[in-house]
PDB file of N, CA and C in Angstrom:
ATOM      1  N   UNK A   1     147.607   8.730 -23.947  1.00  0.00           N
ATOM      2  CA  UNK A   1     147.152   9.411 -25.230  1.00  0.00           C
ATOM      3  C   UNK A   1     145.546   8.878 -25.308  1.00  0.00           C
ATOM      4  N   UNK A   2     144.892   9.585 -25.712  1.00  0.00           N
ATOM      5  CA  UNK A   2     143.350   9.088 -25.871  1.00  0.00           C
ATOM      6  C   UNK A   2     143.215   8.749 -27.358  1.00  0.00           C
ATOM      7  N   UNK A   3     141.977   8.127 -27.642  1.00  0.00           N
ATOM      8  CA  UNK A   3     141.713   7.855 -29.159  1.00  0.00           C
ATOM      9  C   UNK A   3     141.547   8.987 -29.688  1.00  0.00           C
ATOM     10  N   UNK A   4     140.819  10.144 -29.152  1.00  0.00           N
ATOM     11  CA  UNK A   4     140.806  11.425 -29.749  1.00  0.00           C
ATOM     12  C   UNK A   4     141.869  11.825 -30.451  1.00  0.00           C
ATOM     13  N   UNK A   5     143.002  11.855 -29.534  1.00  0.00           N
ATOM     14  CA  UNK A   5     144.361  12.335 -29.823  1.00  0.00           C
ATOM     15  C   UNK A   5     144.970  11.556 -30.955  1.00  0.00           C
ATOM     16  N   UNK A   6     144.823  10.254 -30.872  1.00  0.00           N
ATOM     17  CA  UNK A   6     145.119   9.483 -32.135  1.00  0.00           C
ATOM     18  C   UNK A   6     144.591   9.939 -33.469  1.00  0.00           C
ATOM     19  N   UNK A   7     143.262  10.070 -33.193  1.00  0.00           N
ATOM     20  CA  UNK A   7     142.497  10.599 -34.232  1.00  0.00           C
ATOM     21  C   UNK A   7     142.848  11.822 -35.081  1.00  0.00           C
ATOM     22  N   UNK A   8     143.023  12.764 -33.874  1.00  0.00           N
ATOM     23  CA  UNK A   8     143.521  14.080 -34.358  1.00  0.00           C
ATOM     24  C   UNK A   8     144.795  13.905 -35.208  1.00  0.00           C
ATOM     25  N   UNK A   9     145.665  13.210 -34.334  1.00  0.00           N
ATOM     26  CA  UNK A   9     147.186  13.174 -35.299  1.00  0.00           C
ATOM     27  C   UNK A   9     147.171  12.393 -36.687  1.00  0.00           C
ATOM     28  N   UNK A  10     145.887  11.514 -36.833  1.00  0.00           N
ATOM     29  CA  UNK A  10     145.838  10.999 -38.182  1.00  0.00           C
ATOM     30  C   UNK A  10     145.312  11.898 -39.210  1.00  0.00           C
ATOM     31  N   UNK A  11     144.320  12.766 -38.727  1.00  0.00           N
ATOM     32  CA  UNK A  11     143.782  13.732 -39.345  1.00  0.00           C
ATOM     33  C   UNK A  11     144.877  14.850 -39.944  1.00  0.00           C
ATOM     34  N   UNK A  12     145.593  15.107 -38.940  1.00  0.00           N
ATOM     35  CA  UNK A  12     146.690  16.268 -39.301  1.00  0.00           C
ATOM     36  C   UNK A  12     147.598  15.647 -40.361  1.00  0.00           C
ATOM     37  N   UNK A  13     148.137  14.504 -39.804  1.00  0.00           N
ATOM     38  CA  UNK A  13     148.955  13.791 -40.794  1.00  0.00           C
ATOM     39  C   UNK A  13     148.425  13.774 -42.572  1.00  0.00           C
ATOM     40  N   UNK A  14     147.154  13.392 -42.534  1.00  0.00           N
ATOM     41  CA  UNK A  14     146.533  13.193 -43.887  1.00  0.00           C
ATOM     42  C   UNK A  14     146.339  14.701 -44.431  1.00  0.00           C
ATOM     43  N   UNK A  15     146.065  15.740 -43.697  1.00  0.00           N
ATOM     44  CA  UNK A  15     146.023  17.059 -44.098  1.00  0.00           C
ATOM     45  C   UNK A  15     147.504  17.406 -44.354  1.00  0.00           C
ATOM     46  N   UNK A  16     148.363  17.277 -43.879  1.00  0.00           N
ATOM     47  CA  UNK A  16     149.961  17.528 -43.900  1.00  0.00           C
ATOM     48  C   UNK A  16     150.485  16.715 -45.316  1.00  0.00           C
ATOM     49  N   UNK A  17     150.183  15.600 -45.755  1.00  0.00           N
ATOM     50  CA  UNK A  17     150.427  15.091 -46.848  1.00  0.00           C
ATOM     51  C   UNK A  17     149.826  15.305 -47.950  1.00  0.00           C
ATOM     52  N   UNK A  18     148.521  15.758 -48.097  1.00  0.00           N
ATOM     53  CA  UNK A  18     147.752  16.204 -49.151  1.00  0.00           C
ATOM     54  C   UNK A  18     148.101  17.797 -49.321  1.00  0.00           C
ATOM     55  N   UNK A  19     148.781  18.483 -48.413  1.00  0.00           N
ATOM     56  CA  UNK A  19     149.130  19.996 -48.308  1.00  0.00           C
ATOM     57  C   UNK A  19     147.756  20.688 -48.279  1.00  0.00           C
ATOM     58  N   UNK A  20     146.915  20.348 -46.990  1.00  0.00           N
ATOM     59  CA  UNK A  20     145.639  20.993 -47.218  1.00  0.00           C
ATOM     60  C   UNK A  20     145.503  21.443 -45.733  1.00  0.00           C
ATOM     61  N   UNK A  21     146.332  21.739 -44.950  1.00  0.00           N
ATOM     62  CA  UNK A  21     146.152  22.159 -43.532  1.00  0.00           C
ATOM     63  C   UNK A  21     145.659  23.580 -43.345  1.00  0.00           C
ATOM     64  N   UNK A  22     146.149  24.540 -44.519  1.00  0.00           N
ATOM     65  CA  UNK A  22     146.110  25.863 -44.405  1.00  0.00           C
ATOM     66  C   UNK A  22     146.780  26.580 -43.306  1.00  0.00           C
ATOM     67  N   UNK A  23     146.366  27.644 -42.880  1.00  0.00           N
ATOM     68  CA  UNK A  23     147.093  28.265 -41.774  1.00  0.00           C
ATOM     69  C   UNK A  23     147.132  27.622 -40.332  1.00  0.00           C
ATOM     70  N   UNK A  24     147.577  27.917 -39.346  1.00  0.00           N
ATOM     71  CA  UNK A  24     147.324  27.330 -38.024  1.00  0.00           C
ATOM     72  C   UNK A  24     145.908  27.475 -37.614  1.00  0.00           C
ATOM     73  N   UNK A  25     145.624  28.555 -37.953  1.00  0.00           N
ATOM     74  CA  UNK A  25     144.186  29.070 -37.391  1.00  0.00           C
ATOM     75  C   UNK A  25     143.301  28.063 -38.085  1.00  0.00           C
ATOM     76  N   UNK A  26     143.421  27.976 -39.747  1.00  0.00           N
ATOM     77  CA  UNK A  26     142.582  26.946 -40.312  1.00  0.00           C
ATOM     78  C   UNK A  26     142.590  25.707 -39.973  1.00  0.00           C
ATOM     79  N   UNK A  27     143.772  25.127 -39.636  1.00  0.00           N
ATOM     80  CA  UNK A  27     143.999  23.812 -39.108  1.00  0.00           C
ATOM     81  C   UNK A  27     143.151  23.338 -37.931  1.00  0.00           C
ATOM     82  N   UNK A  28     143.411  24.457 -36.922  1.00  0.00           N
ATOM     83  CA  UNK A  28     142.378  24.308 -35.508  1.00  0.00           C
ATOM     84  C   UNK A  28     141.163  24.276 -36.004  1.00  0.00           C
ATOM     85  N   UNK A  29     140.406  24.929 -36.857  1.00  0.00           N
ATOM     86  CA  UNK A  29     139.095  24.993 -37.231  1.00  0.00           C
ATOM     87  C   UNK A  29     138.882  23.583 -37.980  1.00  0.00           C
ATOM     88  N   UNK A  30     139.713  23.055 -38.616  1.00  0.00           N
ATOM     89  CA  UNK A  30     139.620  21.853 -39.436  1.00  0.00           C
ATOM     90  C   UNK A  30     139.268  20.620 -38.408  1.00  0.00           C
ATOM     91  N   UNK A  31     140.371  20.431 -37.325  1.00  0.00           N
ATOM     92  CA  UNK A  31     140.289  19.826 -36.406  1.00  0.00           C
ATOM     93  C   UNK A  31     139.332  19.849 -35.066  1.00  0.00           C
ATOM     94  N   UNK A  32     138.921  20.988 -34.976  1.00  0.00           N
ATOM     95  CA  UNK A  32     137.977  21.254 -33.922  1.00  0.00           C
ATOM     96  C   UNK A  32     138.851  21.513 -32.523  1.00  0.00           C
ATOM     97  N   UNK A  33     140.089  22.041 -32.608  1.00  0.00           N
ATOM     98  CA  UNK A  33     140.851  22.312 -31.428  1.00  0.00           C
ATOM     99  C   UNK A  33     141.278  23.893 -31.449  1.00  0.00           C
ATOM    100  N   UNK A  34     142.104  24.466 -30.548  1.00  0.00           N
ATOM    101  CA  UNK A  34     142.548  25.526 -30.655  1.00  0.00           C
ATOM    102  C   UNK A  34     143.723  25.656 -31.375  1.00  0.00           C
ATOM    103  N   UNK A  35     144.074  26.949 -31.743  1.00  0.00           N
ATOM    104  CA  UNK A  35     145.293  27.069 -32.166  1.00  0.00           C
ATOM    105  C   UNK A  35     146.760  26.666 -31.625  1.00  0.00           C
ATOM    106  N   UNK A  36     146.566  26.776 -30.303  1.00  0.00           N
ATOM    107  CA  UNK A  36     147.669  26.603 -29.166  1.00  0.00           C
ATOM    108  C   UNK A  36     147.719  25.009 -29.350  1.00  0.00           C
ATOM    109  N   UNK A  37     146.885  24.293 -29.319  1.00  0.00           N
ATOM    110  CA  UNK A  37     146.735  22.891 -29.685  1.00  0.00           C
ATOM    111  C   UNK A  37     147.519  22.454 -30.671  1.00  0.00           C
ATOM    112  N   UNK A  38     147.090  23.182 -31.905  1.00  0.00           N
ATOM    113  CA  UNK A  38     147.829  22.832 -33.150  1.00  0.00           C
ATOM    114  C   UNK A  38     149.196  22.712 -32.988  1.00  0.00           C
ATOM    115  N   UNK A  39     149.730  23.844 -32.347  1.00  0.00           N
ATOM    116  CA  UNK A  39     151.376  23.823 -32.247  1.00  0.00           C
ATOM    117  C   UNK A  39     151.767  22.674 -31.456  1.00  0.00           C
ATOM    118  N   UNK A  40     151.036  22.321 -30.272  1.00  0.00           N
ATOM    119  CA  UNK A  40     151.321  21.203 -29.559  1.00  0.00           C
ATOM    120  C   UNK A  40     151.398  19.942 -30.268  1.00  0.00           C
ATOM    121  N   UNK A  41     150.294  19.809 -31.039  1.00  0.00           N
ATOM    122  CA  UNK A  41     150.431  18.299 -31.845  1.00  0.00           C
ATOM    123  C   UNK A  41     151.767  18.387 -32.924  1.00  0.00           C
ATOM    124  N   UNK A  42     151.853  19.764 -33.546  1.00  0.00           N
ATOM    125  CA  UNK A  42     152.888  19.622 -34.537  1.00  0.00           C
ATOM    126  C   UNK A  42     154.114  19.350 -33.832  1.00  0.00           C
ATOM    127  N   UNK A  43     154.117  20.125 -32.569  1.00  0.00           N
ATOM    128  CA  UNK A  43     155.591  19.940 -32.024  1.00  0.00           C
ATOM    129  C   UNK A  43     155.607  18.280 -31.835  1.00  0.00           C
ATOM    130  N   UNK A  44     154.597  17.634 -31.148  1.00  0.00           N
ATOM    131  CA  UNK A  44     154.578  16.224 -30.644  1.00  0.00           C
ATOM    132  C   UNK A  44     155.188  15.521 -31.933  1.00  0.00           C
ATOM    133  N   UNK A  45     154.608  15.801 -33.112  1.00  0.00           N
ATOM    134  CA  UNK A  45     154.811  15.080 -34.167  1.00  0.00           C
ATOM    135  C   UNK A  45     156.265  15.379 -34.574  1.00  0.00           C
ATOM    136  N   UNK A  46     156.805  16.597 -34.564  1.00  0.00           N
ATOM    137  CA  UNK A  46     158.207  16.823 -34.955  1.00  0.00           C
ATOM    138  C   UNK A  46     158.963  16.138 -33.793  1.00  0.00           C
ATOM    139  N   UNK A  47     158.793  15.915 -32.470  1.00  0.00           N
ATOM    140  CA  UNK A  47     159.501  15.149 -31.402  1.00  0.00           C
ATOM    141  C   UNK A  47     159.513  13.574 -31.776  1.00  0.00           C
ATOM    142  N   UNK A  48     158.789  13.146 -32.671  1.00  0.00           N
ATOM    143  CA  UNK A  48     158.625  11.705 -32.968  1.00  0.00           C
ATOM    144  C   UNK A  48     159.394  11.606 -34.591  1.00  0.00           C
ATOM    145  N   UNK A  49     159.963  12.685 -34.966  1.00  0.00           N
ATOM    146  CA  UNK A  49     160.776  12.936 -35.967  1.00  0.00           C
ATOM    147  C   UNK A  49     160.143  13.540 -37.351  1.00  0.00           C
ATOM    148  N   UNK A  50     158.859  13.745 -37.631  1.00  0.00           N
ATOM    149  CA  UNK A  50     158.137  14.166 -38.533  1.00  0.00           C
ATOM    150  C   UNK A  50     158.876  15.339 -39.160  1.00  0.00           C
ATOM    151  N   UNK A  51     159.304  15.351 -40.520  1.00  0.00           N
ATOM    152  CA  UNK A  51     159.849  16.663 -40.785  1.00  0.00           C
ATOM    153  C   UNK A  51     158.704  17.646 -41.286  1.00  0.00           C
ATOM    154  N   UNK A  52     158.256  18.318 -40.652  1.00  0.00           N
ATOM    155  CA  UNK A  52     157.178  19.214 -40.956  1.00  0.00           C
ATOM    156  C   UNK A  52     157.673  20.794 -41.181  1.00  0.00           C
ATOM    157  N   UNK A  53     157.098  21.256 -42.365  1.00  0.00           N
ATOM    158  CA  UNK A  53     157.514  22.685 -42.616  1.00  0.00           C
ATOM    159  C   UNK A  53     156.284  23.323 -42.940  1.00  0.00           C
ATOM    160  N   UNK A  54     156.455  24.845 -43.020  1.00  0.00           N
ATOM    161  CA  UNK A  54     155.322  25.496 -43.453  1.00  0.00           C
ATOM    162  C   UNK A  54     155.461  26.214 -44.873  1.00  0.00           C
ATOM    163  N   UNK A  55     154.633  26.431 -45.711  1.00  0.00           N
ATOM    164  CA  UNK A  55     155.033  26.918 -47.067  1.00  0.00           C
ATOM    165  C   UNK A  55     154.186  28.198 -46.899  1.00  0.00           C
ATOM    166  N   UNK A  56     154.598  29.244 -47.019  1.00  0.00           N
ATOM    167  CA  UNK A  56     154.020  30.606 -47.126  1.00  0.00           C
ATOM    168  C   UNK A  56     153.336  30.863 -48.200  1.00  0.00           C
ATOM    169  N   UNK A  57     154.045  30.296 -49.537  1.00  0.00           N
ATOM    170  CA  UNK A  57     153.162  30.400 -50.719  1.00  0.00           C
ATOM    171  C   UNK A  57     152.019  29.412 -50.877  1.00  0.00           C
ATOM    172  N   UNK A  58     152.159  28.358 -50.269  1.00  0.00           N
ATOM    173  CA  UNK A  58     150.648  27.405 -50.338  1.00  0.00           C
ATOM    174  C   UNK A  58     149.724  27.539 -49.031  1.00  0.00           C
ATOM    175  N   UNK A  59     150.497  28.313 -48.242  1.00  0.00           N
ATOM    176  CA  UNK A  59     149.619  28.577 -47.048  1.00  0.00           C
ATOM    177  C   UNK A  59     149.191  27.182 -46.027  1.00  0.00           C
ATOM    178  N   UNK A  60     150.146  26.304 -46.169  1.00  0.00           N
ATOM    179  CA  UNK A  60     150.206  24.834 -45.734  1.00  0.00           C
ATOM    180  C   UNK A  60     151.153  24.270 -45.233  1.00  0.00           C
ATOM    181  N   UNK A  61     151.117  23.352 -44.241  1.00  0.00           N
ATOM    182  CA  UNK A  61     152.061  22.659 -43.532  1.00  0.00           C
ATOM    183  C   UNK A  61     152.347  21.228 -44.753  1.00  0.00           C
ATOM    184  N   UNK A  62     153.410  20.973 -44.648  1.00  0.00           N
ATOM    185  CA  UNK A  62     153.959  19.847 -45.763  1.00  0.00           C
ATOM    186  C   UNK A  62     155.163  19.144 -44.967  1.00  0.00           C
ATOM    187  N   UNK A  63     155.242  17.842 -45.567  1.00  0.00           N
ATOM    188  CA  UNK A  63     156.553  17.208 -44.982  1.00  0.00           C
ATOM    189  C   UNK A  63     157.710  17.269 -45.893  1.00  0.00           C
ATOM    190  N   UNK A  64     158.839  17.711 -45.409  1.00  0.00           N
ATOM    191  CA  UNK A  64     160.027  18.166 -46.080  1.00  0.00           C
ATOM    192  C   UNK A  64     160.519  16.889 -46.872  1.00  0.00           C
ATOM    193  N   UNK A  65     160.227  15.812 -46.300  1.00  0.00           N
ATOM    194  CA  UNK A  65     160.374  14.306 -46.857  1.00  0.00           C
ATOM    195  C   UNK A  65     159.363  13.822 -46.967  1.00  0.00           C
ATOM    196  N   UNK A  66     159.405  12.921 -48.201  1.00  0.00           N
ATOM    197  CA  UNK A  66     157.978  12.150 -48.400  1.00  0.00           C
ATOM    198  C   UNK A  66     157.986  10.984 -47.284  1.00  0.00           C
ATOM    199  N   UNK A  67     156.790  10.725 -46.693  1.00  0.00           N
ATOM    200  CA  UNK A  67     156.556   9.983 -45.866  1.00  0.00           C
ATOM    201  C   UNK A  67     155.087  10.212 -45.016  1.00  0.00           C
ATOM    202  N   UNK A  68     154.857   9.453 -44.022  1.00  0.00           N
ATOM    203  CA  UNK A  68     153.574   9.664 -43.372  1.00  0.00           C
ATOM    204  C   UNK A  68     153.867   9.126 -41.743  1.00  0.00           C
ATOM    205  N   UNK A  69     152.913   9.760 -40.991  1.00  0.00           N
ATOM    206  CA  UNK A  69     153.043   9.459 -39.644  1.00  0.00           C
ATOM    207  C   UNK A  69     152.154   7.966 -39.272  1.00  0.00           C
ATOM    208  N   UNK A  70     152.970   7.238 -38.509  1.00  0.00           N
ATOM    209  CA  UNK A  70     152.313   5.923 -38.260  1.00  0.00           C
ATOM    210  C   UNK A  70     152.468   5.719 -36.676  1.00  0.00           C
ATOM    211  N   UNK A  71     151.331   5.405 -36.208  1.00  0.00           N
ATOM    212  CA  UNK A  71     151.138   4.795 -34.851  1.00  0.00           C
ATOM    213  C   UNK A  71     150.730   3.493 -34.750  1.00  0.00           C
ATOM    214  N   UNK A  72     151.432   2.607 -34.356  1.00  0.00           N
ATOM    215  CA  UNK A  72     150.923   1.328 -34.326  1.00  0.00           C
ATOM    216  C   UNK A  72     151.325   0.150 -33.383  1.00  0.00           C
ATOM    217  N   UNK A  73     151.167  -1.029 -33.130  1.00  0.00           N
ATOM    218  CA  UNK A  73     151.511  -1.790 -32.326  1.00  0.00           C
ATOM    219  C   UNK A  73     151.924  -3.237 -32.976  1.00  0.00           C
ATOM    220  N   UNK A  74     153.001  -3.520 -32.775  1.00  0.00           N
ATOM    221  CA  UNK A  74     153.641  -4.953 -33.537  1.00  0.00           C
ATOM    222  C   UNK A  74     153.614  -5.764 -32.405  1.00  0.00           C
ATOM    223  N   UNK A  75     153.271  -7.265 -32.740  1.00  0.00           N
ATOM    224  CA  UNK A  75     153.449  -8.174 -31.876  1.00  0.00           C
ATOM    225  C   UNK A  75     154.738  -8.814 -31.738  1.00  0.00           C
ATOM    226  N   UNK A  76     155.587  -8.665 -30.677  1.00  0.00           N
ATOM    227  CA  UNK A  76     156.740  -9.695 -30.604  1.00  0.00           C
ATOM    228  C   UNK A  76     156.815 -10.896 -31.365  1.00  0.00           C
ATOM    229  N   UNK A  77     155.884 -11.561 -30.946  1.00  0.00           N
ATOM    230  CA  UNK A  77     155.543 -13.068 -31.608  1.00  0.00           C
ATOM    231  C   UNK A  77     155.928 -13.013 -33.104  1.00  0.00           C
ATOM    232  N   UNK A  78     154.954 -11.910 -33.768  1.00  0.00           N
ATOM    233  CA  UNK A  78     155.157 -12.100 -35.262  1.00  0.00           C
ATOM    234  C   UNK A  78     156.263 -11.360 -35.967  1.00  0.00           C
ATOM    235  N   UNK A  79     156.965 -10.474 -35.002  1.00  0.00           N
ATOM    236  CA  UNK A  79     158.470 -10.181 -35.503  1.00  0.00           C
ATOM    237  C   UNK A  79     159.341 -11.481 -35.298  1.00  0.00           C
ATOM    238  N   UNK A  80     159.299 -11.952 -34.256  1.00  0.00           N
ATOM    239  CA  UNK A  80     160.143 -13.256 -34.088  1.00  0.00           C
ATOM    240  C   UNK A  80     159.911 -14.206 -35.254  1.00  0.00           C
ATOM    241  N   UNK A  81     158.835 -14.613 -35.618  1.00  0.00           N
ATOM    242  CA  UNK A  81     158.266 -15.463 -36.724  1.00  0.00           C
ATOM    243  C   UNK A  81     158.925 -15.049 -38.150  1.00  0.00           C
ATOM    244  N   UNK A  82     158.765 -13.586 -38.358  1.00  0.00           N
ATOM    245  CA  UNK A  82     159.455 -13.051 -39.584  1.00  0.00           C
ATOM    246  C   UNK A  82     160.719 -13.220 -39.545  1.00  0.00           C
ATOM    247  N   UNK A  83     161.459 -13.007 -38.693  1.00  0.00           N
ATOM    248  CA  UNK A  83     162.966 -13.177 -38.383  1.00  0.00           C
ATOM    249  C   UNK A  83     163.156 -14.577 -38.804  1.00  0.00           C
ATOM    250  N   UNK A  84     162.561 -15.404 -38.116  1.00  0.00           N
ATOM    251  CA  UNK A  84     162.856 -16.932 -38.317  1.00  0.00           C
ATOM    252  C   UNK A  84     162.679 -17.339 -39.653  1.00  0.00           C
ATOM    253  N   UNK A  85     161.370 -16.950 -40.375  1.00  0.00           N
ATOM    254  CA  UNK A  85     161.289 -17.287 -41.539  1.00  0.00           C
ATOM    255  C   UNK A  85     162.398 -16.611 -42.657  1.00  0.00           C
ATOM    256  N   UNK A  86     162.945 -15.377 -42.202  1.00  0.00           N
ATOM    257  CA  UNK A  86     163.955 -14.752 -42.983  1.00  0.00           C
ATOM    258  C   UNK A  86     165.310 -15.509 -42.906  1.00  0.00           C
ATOM    259  N   UNK A  87     165.518 -16.170 -41.577  1.00  0.00           N
ATOM    260  CA  UNK A  87     166.570 -16.949 -41.624  1.00  0.00           C
ATOM    261  C   UNK A  87     166.517 -18.093 -42.201  1.00  0.00           C
ATOM    262  N   UNK A  88     165.618 -18.890 -42.144  1.00  0.00           N
ATOM    263  CA  UNK A  88     165.430 -20.100 -43.046  1.00  0.00           C
ATOM    264  C   UNK A  88     165.585 -19.804 -44.342  1.00  0.00           C
ATOM    265  N   UNK A  89     165.049 -18.402 -45.214  1.00  0.00           N
ATOM    266  CA  UNK A  89     165.398 -18.247 -46.433  1.00  0.00           C
ATOM    267  C   UNK A  89     166.890 -18.336 -46.883  1.00  0.00           C
ATOM    268  N   UNK A  90     167.498 -17.512 -45.813  1.00  0.00           N
ATOM    269  CA  UNK A  90     169.124 -17.402 -46.018  1.00  0.00           C
ATOM    270  C   UNK A  90     169.717 -18.492 -45.850  1.00  0.00           C
ATOM    271  N   UNK A  91     169.476 -19.386 -44.984  1.00  0.00           N
ATOM    272  CA  UNK A  91     170.014 -20.652 -44.613  1.00  0.00           C
ATOM    273  C   UNK A  91     169.482 -21.787 -45.605  1.00  0.00           C
ATOM    274  N   UNK A  92     168.733 -21.505 -46.380  1.00  0.00           N
ATOM    275  CA  UNK A  92     168.107 -22.572 -47.297  1.00  0.00           C
ATOM    276  C   UNK A  92     167.337 -23.627 -46.964  1.00  0.00           C
ATOM    277  N   UNK A  93     166.644 -23.335 -45.758  1.00  0.00           N
ATOM    278  CA  UNK A  93     165.845 -24.345 -45.109  1.00  0.00           C
ATOM    279  C   UNK A  93     164.353 -24.235 -45.617  1.00  0.00           C
TER     280      UNK A  93
END
């Protein structure tokens, strides 16, 4: 995945959250991609669990459940530190 791909996913996510995507054609114009690519991005997001729906009344995509699409990297060391700190809390250390 390229940086452009990640930026497009973030932009699409923002537009979906604000219910401002417009039709697939409008969304393609806003993002600067083809309508066919819009469907590829939406399907990718759905494959990752995003509950994306389209409202004919609003003429916009939206999330069926409140949430957001997040792509990030977590350091294993930090997760382990958090787990150890949490265990210390439960053990009274």
